[in-house]
Amino acid sequence: MAVSLFDTLLSTPDMIAAFDDAAFIQAMLDFEAALAAAQADEGLLPRAAAQAIAAACRADRIDTASLVAAGRRSGTLAVPLVKELTRLVAESDKDASTLVHWGSTSQDVQDSAMVLVTRTALRLLDDDLAVLCAHLLKLGEAHLATPVLARTLLQPAQVMGFGFKVAGWLAPLVRARARLRDAALDALQLQLGGAVGTLAVMGERGPAVAHRMAQALGLKTPAATWHTQRDEWVRLGLEVALLTGSLGKIAADLALMAQGEVGELAEPSGGGRGGSSAMPHKRNPVSSMIALAAATRTPHHAATLLAAMGQQHERGLGNWQAELAEWPTPFLSAHGALRALNDAFDGLTVDTVRMRANIDALHGLVSAEALSIWLAGAIGRPAAHAAVEKMTQTAVAEGRHLRDVARAAIAADPALAHLDATQLDAIFDPVAATAPAQRLARQRLAALKQDTP
């Protein structure tokens, strides 16, 4: 599979290799070898013929450029592949060459080959997902009580524990691993149906051949041909797209927290990482950039997979071919994002001092809700809300800490005079404010740790 320079930049060598031309061609040949062996086991062709076919099933004997050129004329890579395989088998066994691809069809070869290379791709995703989940679990547990600003609508909201935020990043990744494994159980299945899906040429032996092939290739035996029933297959692709969306969310938060004006997190630097061609001081969050790029481009590829599902009758015209071409791209993006974020979290800098400074710079305004709830016990919620709103306006206008404004207001208001103003220190303590988030995060991280395969 040819990829552009920019695809290469946003993916990984491992994932590109999983879907490259040699891997896919070998997967098609593995299908042909398994087909011949299964048919020999069922007495449909001589054992010697199956062995001759298997011996010729080597991708290094196939000219990729010629295969693609011929595929454009025939509309499928399988036709020229079978023709070339037949020629190669004939060099050693002319009789065996007449039995190559017997009873199968082009879509059987290409779908099964795509399943085989996708299995490799899923292993790569799962391995890197495991690493990222471990990074986040460790990070969350280490920062349960670290105060950090929670932000809503891109504005400071309240104080919470940083571990709570990290748990929110981790949870969809743990779910994604489980969903990908479940989807793979259904989707990684053999495709074998013959011309219209009925296995007509092999007769009553067809199902047994399919079962033997599936076992040999390590795939699920399908209940029936799925030439134009793509639901289980596309569901797997969409799960990869969902994973990429979750990675994009993490990258967005990481990039925002790494802005110089915020400075709470920083990706690793050095060795040219994150540098600028014009500005030597730059420390660009390149891992976040790669993950965000992956998340940005993936919805369009997922949409193509969905759009291609309306395949006509027993073999799709144009839509199946579009799906084949589109299929690797979500995997390329997802793995690029995963590997990039693993690089980021492997050397992430967490600036707890800056986190605290960003909280303190707001002069207690993020504790306004807690103050209002405390006052409501004395004067009721509506009056408390109105009073705190007035206090925040005063604090902003005069550049004072909300705690000091509240203390003065309590002393001046007879209705509040009975309140213990010393409790204000606890209300405005950022570490104390993390307590609710700490409880929830501790429980959630423990559960996620248990759910991690």
Protein backbone atom coordinates (compact mmCIF):
# COMPACT_ATOMS: atom_id res chain seq x y z
CA MET A 1 0.00 0.00 0.00
CA ALA A 2 1.45 3.33 -1.08
CA VAL A 3 1.22 6.11 1.51
CA SER A 4 2.08 9.76 1.13
CA LEU A 5 4.83 11.49 3.04
CA PHE A 6 2.21 13.06 5.27
CA ASP A 7 0.50 9.74 5.96
CA THR A 8 3.91 8.43 6.97
CA LEU A 9 4.44 11.42 9.26
CA LEU A 10 1.14 10.79 11.02
CA SER A 11 1.42 7.00 11.35
CA THR A 12 4.07 4.45 12.33
CA PRO A 13 6.39 2.17 10.35
CA ASP A 14 4.84 -0.85 12.07
CA MET A 15 1.30 -0.05 11.00
CA ILE A 16 2.36 0.91 7.48
CA ALA A 17 4.13 -2.46 7.21
CA ALA A 18 1.00 -4.28 8.39
CA PHE A 19 -0.93 -3.01 5.38
CA ASP A 20 1.87 -2.67 2.84
CA ASP A 21 1.80 -4.30 -0.59
CA ALA A 22 3.97 -7.26 0.34
CA ALA A 23 1.92 -8.05 3.46
CA PHE A 24 -1.38 -7.93 1.58
CA ILE A 25 -0.13 -9.96 -1.37
CA GLN A 26 1.26 -12.58 1.00
CA ALA A 27 -2.07 -12.68 2.82
CA MET A 28 -3.85 -13.35 -0.49
CA LEU A 29 -1.39 -16.14 -1.23
CA ASP A 30 -1.86 -17.56 2.28
CA PHE A 31 -5.58 -17.75 1.46
CA GLU A 32 -4.85 -19.66 -1.76
CA ALA A 33 -2.52 -22.10 0.00
CA ALA A 34 -5.06 -22.71 2.78
CA LEU A 35 -7.84 -23.20 0.21
CA ALA A 36 -5.88 -25.85 -1.66
CA ALA A 37 -4.87 -27.65 1.56
CA ALA A 38 -8.44 -27.70 2.87
CA GLN A 39 -9.76 -28.99 -0.44
CA ALA A 40 -7.14 -31.73 -0.42
CA ASP A 41 -8.19 -32.68 3.12
CA GLU A 42 -11.76 -32.99 1.85
CA GLY A 43 -10.71 -35.05 -1.16
CA LEU A 44 -11.56 -32.36 -3.71
CA LEU A 45 -8.05 -32.24 -5.20
CA PRO A 46 -4.87 -34.31 -4.94
CA ARG A 47 -2.54 -33.71 -2.02
CA ALA A 48 0.38 -33.24 -4.40
CA ALA A 49 -1.50 -30.46 -6.18
CA ALA A 50 -2.14 -28.66 -2.87
CA GLN A 51 1.54 -28.91 -2.00
CA ALA A 52 2.59 -27.56 -5.39
CA ILE A 53 0.20 -24.62 -4.99
CA ALA A 54 1.43 -23.88 -1.46
CA ALA A 55 5.06 -23.95 -2.58
CA ALA A 56 4.37 -21.22 -5.13
CA CYS A 57 2.55 -18.93 -2.66
CA ARG A 58 5.40 -16.52 -2.00
CA ALA A 59 4.94 -12.77 -2.28
CA ASP A 60 8.55 -12.23 -3.31
CA ARG A 61 7.75 -13.98 -6.59
CA ILE A 62 5.00 -11.50 -7.47
CA ASP A 63 5.72 -8.28 -9.36
CA THR A 64 3.63 -5.71 -7.49
CA ALA A 65 3.69 -3.03 -10.20
CA SER A 66 2.50 -5.49 -12.85
CA LEU A 67 -0.15 -6.82 -10.49
CA VAL A 68 -1.57 -3.33 -9.87
CA ALA A 69 -1.51 -2.43 -13.56
CA ALA A 70 -3.37 -5.61 -14.46
CA GLY A 71 -5.73 -5.12 -11.52
CA ARG A 72 -6.85 -1.78 -12.90
CA ARG A 73 -7.88 -3.50 -16.13
CA SER A 74 -9.66 -6.40 -14.44
CA GLY A 75 -11.16 -4.36 -11.59
CA THR A 76 -9.59 -6.55 -8.91
CA LEU A 77 -6.14 -7.58 -7.74
CA ALA A 78 -7.25 -11.18 -7.33
CA VAL A 79 -7.64 -11.90 -11.07
CA PRO A 80 -4.03 -11.10 -12.06
CA LEU A 81 -2.77 -12.66 -8.82
CA VAL A 82 -4.49 -15.96 -9.58
CA LYS A 83 -3.24 -15.80 -13.16
CA GLU A 84 0.34 -15.28 -12.00
CA LEU A 85 0.03 -17.95 -9.30
CA THR A 86 -1.29 -20.36 -11.90
CA ARG A 87 1.75 -19.64 -14.07
CA LEU A 88 4.13 -20.20 -11.16
CA VAL A 89 2.50 -23.48 -10.17
CA ALA A 90 2.61 -24.68 -13.78
CA GLU A 91 6.40 -24.36 -13.73
CA SER A 92 6.55 -27.33 -11.37
CA ASP A 93 3.18 -29.09 -11.82
CA LYS A 94 1.03 -28.36 -14.85
CA ASP A 95 -1.89 -30.45 -13.62
CA ALA A 96 -1.89 -28.68 -10.24
CA SER A 97 -1.99 -25.30 -11.94
CA THR A 98 -5.48 -26.08 -13.29
CA LEU A 99 -6.74 -26.36 -9.69
CA VAL A 100 -5.51 -22.99 -8.38
CA HIS A 101 -8.32 -20.93 -6.82
CA TRP A 102 -10.80 -23.69 -7.54
CA GLY A 103 -14.32 -22.92 -6.31
CA SER A 104 -13.42 -19.49 -4.92
CA THR A 105 -13.93 -15.95 -6.19
CA SER A 106 -11.99 -12.70 -6.23
CA GLN A 107 -13.77 -11.19 -3.25
CA ASP A 108 -13.05 -14.26 -1.13
CA VAL A 109 -9.33 -13.72 -1.65
CA GLN A 110 -9.25 -9.97 -1.03
CA ASP A 111 -11.64 -9.90 1.92
CA SER A 112 -9.84 -12.74 3.68
CA ALA A 113 -6.48 -11.13 3.02
CA MET A 114 -7.71 -7.85 4.49
CA VAL A 115 -8.94 -9.75 7.55
CA LEU A 116 -5.50 -11.32 7.97
CA VAL A 117 -3.56 -8.06 7.80
CA THR A 118 -6.16 -6.36 10.00
CA ARG A 119 -5.52 -8.97 12.69
CA THR A 120 -1.89 -7.85 12.74
CA ALA A 121 -2.99 -4.22 12.87
CA LEU A 122 -5.26 -4.90 15.85
CA ARG A 123 -2.38 -6.48 17.77
CA LEU A 124 -0.35 -3.32 17.22
CA LEU A 125 -3.21 -1.15 18.47
CA ASP A 126 -3.78 -3.32 21.52
CA ASP A 127 -0.11 -3.36 22.46
CA ASP A 128 0.18 0.43 22.35
CA LEU A 129 -3.18 0.89 24.04
CA ALA A 130 -1.92 -1.24 26.92
CA VAL A 131 1.15 0.99 27.26
CA LEU A 132 -0.89 4.20 27.19
CA CYS A 133 -3.38 2.85 29.72
CA ALA A 134 -0.49 1.97 32.04
CA HIS A 135 0.96 5.48 31.68
CA LEU A 136 -2.38 7.09 32.54
CA LEU A 137 -3.11 4.76 35.43
CA LYS A 138 0.23 5.57 37.02
CA LEU A 139 -0.22 9.30 36.39
CA GLY A 140 -3.73 9.36 37.83
CA GLU A 141 -2.77 7.49 40.98
CA ALA A 142 0.17 9.83 41.56
CA HIS A 143 -1.94 12.98 41.33
CA LEU A 144 -5.17 12.18 43.14
CA ALA A 145 -4.67 15.12 45.53
CA THR A 146 -2.98 17.52 43.09
CA PRO A 147 -5.22 20.60 42.74
CA VAL A 148 -5.86 21.72 39.18
CA LEU A 149 -8.38 23.99 37.57
CA ALA A 150 -11.36 22.28 36.00
CA ARG A 151 -12.46 24.27 32.98
CA THR A 152 -15.85 24.43 31.31
CA LEU A 153 -16.47 26.27 28.04
CA LEU A 154 -12.71 26.96 28.11
CA GLN A 155 -13.09 29.04 31.27
CA PRO A 156 -12.01 28.29 34.87
CA ALA A 157 -14.81 26.48 36.71
CA GLN A 158 -13.78 24.81 39.98
CA VAL A 159 -10.83 23.08 41.59
CA MET A 160 -10.52 19.33 41.25
CA GLY A 161 -7.80 16.69 41.56
CA PHE A 162 -5.65 16.19 38.49
CA GLY A 163 -6.05 12.44 39.00
CA PHE A 164 -9.78 12.84 38.35
CA LYS A 165 -9.04 14.40 34.97
CA VAL A 166 -6.60 11.63 34.10
CA ALA A 167 -9.18 9.00 35.05
CA GLY A 168 -11.49 10.64 32.53
CA TRP A 169 -8.83 10.24 29.86
CA LEU A 170 -8.21 6.61 30.77
CA ALA A 171 -11.79 5.32 30.95
CA PRO A 172 -12.67 5.43 27.21
CA LEU A 173 -9.35 3.78 26.35
CA VAL A 174 -10.08 0.84 28.64
CA ARG A 175 -13.53 0.58 27.07
CA ALA A 176 -11.99 0.82 23.59
CA ARG A 177 -9.69 -2.15 24.25
CA ALA A 178 -12.63 -4.27 25.34
CA ARG A 179 -14.84 -3.17 22.44
CA LEU A 180 -12.10 -3.77 19.87
CA ARG A 181 -11.57 -7.28 21.18
CA ASP A 182 -15.30 -8.00 21.08
CA ALA A 183 -15.66 -6.58 17.58
CA ALA A 184 -12.64 -8.57 16.40
CA LEU A 185 -14.22 -11.81 17.58
CA ASP A 186 -17.06 -11.21 15.11
CA ALA A 187 -15.20 -9.48 12.30
CA LEU A 188 -12.02 -11.54 11.93
CA GLN A 189 -13.67 -14.29 9.94
CA LEU A 190 -12.92 -16.12 6.74
CA GLN A 191 -14.57 -15.03 3.53
CA LEU A 192 -15.38 -18.01 1.29
CA GLY A 193 -18.48 -18.20 -0.84
CA GLY A 194 -17.55 -18.69 -4.45
CA ALA A 195 -19.16 -16.76 -7.28
CA VAL A 196 -22.39 -15.71 -5.53
CA GLY A 197 -21.79 -16.94 -1.98
CA THR A 198 -23.31 -20.41 -2.29
CA LEU A 199 -20.09 -22.48 -2.50
CA ALA A 200 -21.76 -24.16 -5.46
CA VAL A 201 -18.61 -25.55 -7.09
CA MET A 202 -17.56 -27.43 -3.95
CA GLY A 203 -21.06 -28.73 -3.30
CA GLU A 204 -21.73 -30.32 0.07
CA ARG A 205 -18.02 -30.21 0.91
CA GLY A 206 -17.97 -26.42 0.79
CA PRO A 207 -18.78 -25.76 4.46
CA ALA A 208 -16.17 -28.30 5.59
CA VAL A 209 -13.55 -26.66 3.36
CA ALA A 210 -14.42 -23.27 4.85
CA HIS A 211 -14.10 -24.63 8.38
CA ARG A 212 -10.71 -26.20 7.66
CA MET A 213 -9.48 -23.00 6.04
CA ALA A 214 -10.61 -20.86 8.94
CA GLN A 215 -8.81 -23.12 11.40
CA ALA A 216 -5.63 -23.08 9.35
CA LEU A 217 -5.64 -19.29 9.06
CA GLY A 218 -6.67 -18.74 12.69
CA LEU A 219 -9.93 -17.06 11.74
CA LYS A 220 -13.54 -17.51 12.74
CA THR A 221 -15.66 -19.75 10.54
CA PRO A 222 -18.47 -17.53 9.26
CA ALA A 223 -22.10 -18.55 9.60
CA ALA A 224 -22.52 -17.55 5.95
CA THR A 225 -20.80 -15.60 3.23
CA TRP A 226 -20.62 -11.87 4.05
CA HIS A 227 -19.79 -10.54 0.58
CA THR A 228 -22.36 -7.75 0.86
CA GLN A 229 -23.31 -8.04 4.55
CA ARG A 230 -20.64 -5.74 5.96
CA ASP A 231 -22.10 -4.86 9.37
CA GLU A 232 -19.70 -6.83 11.59
CA TRP A 233 -16.71 -5.77 9.51
CA VAL A 234 -17.60 -2.08 9.42
CA ARG A 235 -18.38 -2.10 13.14
CA LEU A 236 -14.75 -3.04 13.75
CA GLY A 237 -13.56 -0.12 11.64
CA LEU A 238 -15.87 2.25 13.49
CA GLU A 239 -14.50 1.08 16.84
CA VAL A 240 -11.05 2.09 15.61
CA ALA A 241 -12.48 5.48 14.64
CA LEU A 242 -14.03 5.88 18.11
CA LEU A 243 -10.69 5.10 19.71
CA THR A 244 -9.06 7.80 17.61
CA GLY A 245 -11.69 10.28 18.75
CA SER A 246 -10.90 9.49 22.39
CA LEU A 247 -7.20 9.97 21.70
CA GLY A 248 -8.01 13.32 20.11
CA LYS A 249 -9.77 14.44 23.29
CA ILE A 250 -6.70 13.61 25.37
CA ALA A 251 -4.49 15.44 22.89
CA ALA A 252 -6.73 18.51 22.97
CA ASP A 253 -6.56 18.73 26.76
CA LEU A 254 -2.83 18.10 26.77
CA ALA A 255 -2.19 20.80 24.16
CA LEU A 256 -4.31 23.34 26.02
CA MET A 257 -2.61 22.63 29.34
CA ALA A 258 0.78 22.89 27.63
CA GLN A 259 0.17 26.40 26.31
CA GLY A 260 2.77 28.80 27.62
CA GLU A 261 0.15 30.97 29.29
CA VAL A 262 -1.14 27.91 31.17
CA GLY A 263 2.05 25.86 31.57
CA GLU A 264 0.59 23.03 33.64
CA LEU A 265 1.86 20.19 31.43
CA ALA A 266 4.70 19.88 28.95
CA GLU A 267 5.61 17.21 26.43
CA PRO A 268 9.22 15.96 26.36
CA SER A 269 11.68 18.15 24.52
CA GLY A 270 15.22 17.95 23.24
CA GLY A 271 16.86 16.37 20.24
CA GLY A 272 14.89 18.55 17.87
CA ARG A 273 11.53 17.44 19.25
CA GLY A 274 8.89 20.17 18.99
CA GLY A 275 11.30 22.72 17.62
CA SER A 276 10.56 25.59 15.26
CA SER A 277 12.38 26.50 12.04
CA ALA A 278 12.18 30.18 13.01
CA MET A 279 11.84 30.44 16.79
CA PRO A 280 14.48 28.71 18.93
CA HIS A 281 12.43 29.07 22.11
CA LYS A 282 9.48 27.02 20.87
CA ARG A 283 8.47 23.77 22.59
CA ASN A 284 5.65 22.63 20.35
CA PRO A 285 3.40 19.77 21.55
CA VAL A 286 4.07 17.53 18.55
CA SER A 287 2.52 14.40 20.08
CA SER A 288 -0.72 16.26 20.62
CA MET A 289 -0.46 17.58 17.09
CA ILE A 290 -0.23 14.09 15.60
CA ALA A 291 -3.13 12.78 17.68
CA LEU A 292 -5.27 15.80 16.84
CA ALA A 293 -4.49 15.38 13.15
CA ALA A 294 -5.55 11.74 13.38
CA ALA A 295 -8.78 12.65 15.15
CA THR A 296 -9.52 15.36 12.59
CA ARG A 297 -9.19 13.14 9.52
CA THR A 298 -10.75 9.95 10.89
CA PRO A 299 -14.48 10.88 10.78
CA HIS A 300 -14.33 11.25 7.01
CA HIS A 301 -12.81 7.81 6.60
CA ALA A 302 -15.37 6.31 8.98
CA ALA A 303 -18.12 7.94 6.95
CA THR A 304 -16.79 6.29 3.81
CA LEU A 305 -16.97 2.87 5.47
CA LEU A 306 -20.60 3.53 6.37
CA ALA A 307 -21.41 4.92 2.95
CA ALA A 308 -19.98 1.79 1.30
CA MET A 309 -22.35 -0.55 3.15
CA GLY A 310 -25.13 -0.31 0.59
CA GLN A 311 -23.55 -2.92 -1.66
CA GLN A 312 -25.70 -4.15 -4.52
CA HIS A 313 -27.07 -7.69 -4.61
CA GLU A 314 -24.36 -10.35 -4.19
CA ARG A 315 -21.28 -8.28 -5.14
CA GLY A 316 -20.82 -4.56 -4.73
CA LEU A 317 -19.93 -2.28 -7.63
CA GLY A 318 -17.64 0.55 -6.57
CA ASN A 319 -18.61 0.63 -2.90
CA TRP A 320 -16.78 -2.56 -1.90
CA GLN A 321 -13.73 -1.34 -3.78
CA ALA A 322 -13.93 2.02 -1.98
CA GLU A 323 -14.10 0.23 1.36
CA LEU A 324 -10.98 -1.79 0.57
CA ALA A 325 -9.04 1.34 -0.31
CA GLU A 326 -10.28 3.24 2.74
CA TRP A 327 -9.97 0.47 5.32
CA PRO A 328 -6.30 0.85 6.36
CA THR A 329 -6.45 4.61 6.92
CA PRO A 330 -8.24 4.64 10.31
CA PHE A 331 -5.73 2.09 11.59
CA LEU A 332 -2.81 4.15 10.32
CA SER A 333 -4.17 7.24 12.08
CA ALA A 334 -5.08 5.48 15.30
CA HIS A 335 -1.67 3.89 15.70
CA GLY A 336 0.10 7.13 14.90
CA ALA A 337 -1.93 8.86 17.58
CA LEU A 338 -1.32 6.10 20.12
CA ARG A 339 2.42 5.99 19.56
CA ALA A 340 2.65 9.79 19.72
CA LEU A 341 0.74 10.01 23.00
CA ASN A 342 2.84 7.22 24.47
CA ASP A 343 5.91 9.30 23.64
CA ALA A 344 4.31 12.29 25.35
CA PHE A 345 3.24 10.55 28.54
CA ASP A 346 6.48 8.62 28.82
CA GLY A 347 8.29 11.91 29.51
CA LEU A 348 5.44 14.22 30.52
CA THR A 349 6.27 17.13 32.82
CA VAL A 350 3.54 17.88 35.36
CA ASP A 351 4.08 21.33 36.87
CA THR A 352 2.12 21.17 40.11
CA VAL A 353 3.46 24.57 41.19
CA ARG A 354 2.05 26.17 38.05
CA MET A 355 -1.25 24.36 38.57
CA ARG A 356 -1.50 25.88 42.03
CA ALA A 357 -0.41 29.30 40.78
CA ASN A 358 -3.15 29.29 38.15
CA ILE A 359 -5.68 28.58 40.87
CA ASP A 360 -4.32 31.28 43.18
CA ALA A 361 -4.31 33.84 40.35
CA LEU A 362 -8.12 33.70 40.31
CA HIS A 363 -8.28 35.07 43.86
CA GLY A 364 -10.72 32.47 45.13
CA LEU A 365 -13.38 32.98 42.43
CA VAL A 366 -13.43 29.27 41.61
CA SER A 367 -14.63 28.60 45.16
CA ALA A 368 -17.71 30.79 44.71
CA GLU A 369 -20.10 27.84 44.47
CA ALA A 370 -18.74 26.28 47.67
CA LEU A 371 -19.11 29.63 49.43
CA SER A 372 -22.67 29.97 48.19
CA ILE A 373 -23.62 26.50 49.47
CA TRP A 374 -22.14 27.30 52.87
CA LEU A 375 -24.02 30.59 53.12
CA ALA A 376 -27.26 28.94 51.97
CA GLY A 377 -27.39 27.06 55.23
CA ALA A 378 -27.85 30.40 56.99
CA ILE A 379 -29.90 32.55 54.59
CA GLY A 380 -31.27 30.17 51.97
CA ARG A 381 -30.07 29.42 48.51
CA PRO A 382 -31.51 32.37 46.52
CA ALA A 383 -30.20 34.95 49.00
CA ALA A 384 -26.83 33.19 49.24
CA HIS A 385 -26.47 33.09 45.47
CA ALA A 386 -27.24 36.79 45.17
CA ALA A 387 -24.86 37.63 48.01
CA VAL A 388 -21.97 35.65 46.54
CA GLU A 389 -22.59 37.13 43.11
CA LYS A 390 -22.21 40.60 44.63
CA MET A 391 -19.08 39.50 46.49
CA THR A 392 -17.45 38.19 43.29
CA GLN A 393 -18.19 41.47 41.54
CA THR A 394 -16.52 43.35 44.38
CA ALA A 395 -13.53 41.00 44.38
CA VAL A 396 -13.00 41.48 40.65
CA ALA A 397 -13.51 45.24 40.72
CA GLU A 398 -11.17 45.79 43.67
CA GLY A 399 -8.63 43.08 42.88
CA ARG A 400 -9.20 41.39 46.23
CA HIS A 401 -9.40 37.74 47.20
CA LEU A 402 -12.98 36.49 47.41
CA ARG A 403 -12.24 35.00 50.84
CA ASP A 404 -11.37 38.45 52.24
CA VAL A 405 -14.44 40.03 50.66
CA ALA A 406 -16.61 37.27 52.14
CA ARG A 407 -15.07 37.70 55.57
CA ALA A 408 -15.80 41.45 55.51
CA ALA A 409 -19.36 40.86 54.25
CA ILE A 410 -20.07 38.36 57.02
CA ALA A 411 -18.80 40.75 59.67
CA ALA A 412 -20.95 43.56 58.27
CA ASP A 413 -24.21 41.61 57.88
CA PRO A 414 -26.20 40.84 61.07
CA ALA A 415 -27.91 37.93 59.30
CA LEU A 416 -24.51 36.30 58.87
CA ALA A 417 -22.86 37.34 62.09
CA HIS A 418 -23.45 33.96 63.73
CA LEU A 419 -21.37 32.16 61.07
CA ASP A 420 -17.88 30.97 61.99
CA ALA A 421 -15.68 32.95 59.60
CA THR A 422 -12.73 30.68 60.35
CA GLN A 423 -14.43 28.05 58.18
CA LEU A 424 -13.72 30.25 55.16
CA ASP A 425 -10.12 29.04 55.08
CA ALA A 426 -11.27 25.45 54.49
CA ILE A 427 -13.74 26.55 51.80
CA PHE A 428 -10.97 28.31 49.89
CA ASP A 429 -8.30 25.61 50.42
CA PRO A 430 -7.48 24.14 46.96
CA VAL A 431 -6.24 20.84 48.39
CA ALA A 432 -9.39 20.41 50.46
CA ALA A 433 -11.42 21.21 47.35
CA THR A 434 -10.00 18.12 45.65
CA ALA A 435 -11.63 15.76 48.18
CA PRO A 436 -14.77 14.89 46.14
CA ALA A 437 -12.70 14.32 43.01
CA GLN A 438 -10.19 12.26 44.98
CA ARG A 439 -12.88 9.88 46.21
CA LEU A 440 -14.37 9.39 42.79
CA ALA A 441 -11.02 9.12 41.01
CA ARG A 442 -9.66 6.59 43.48
CA GLN A 443 -12.72 4.37 42.98
CA ARG A 444 -12.70 4.83 39.23
CA LEU A 445 -9.00 4.14 38.78
CA ALA A 446 -9.30 0.99 40.88
CA ALA A 447 -12.17 -0.21 38.72
CA LEU A 448 -10.35 0.65 35.50
CA LYS A 449 -7.25 -1.16 36.73
CA GLN A 450 -9.38 -4.24 37.32
CA ASP A 451 -11.03 -3.94 33.91
CA THR A 452 -7.72 -3.59 32.08
CA PRO A 453 -7.01 -6.86 30.22
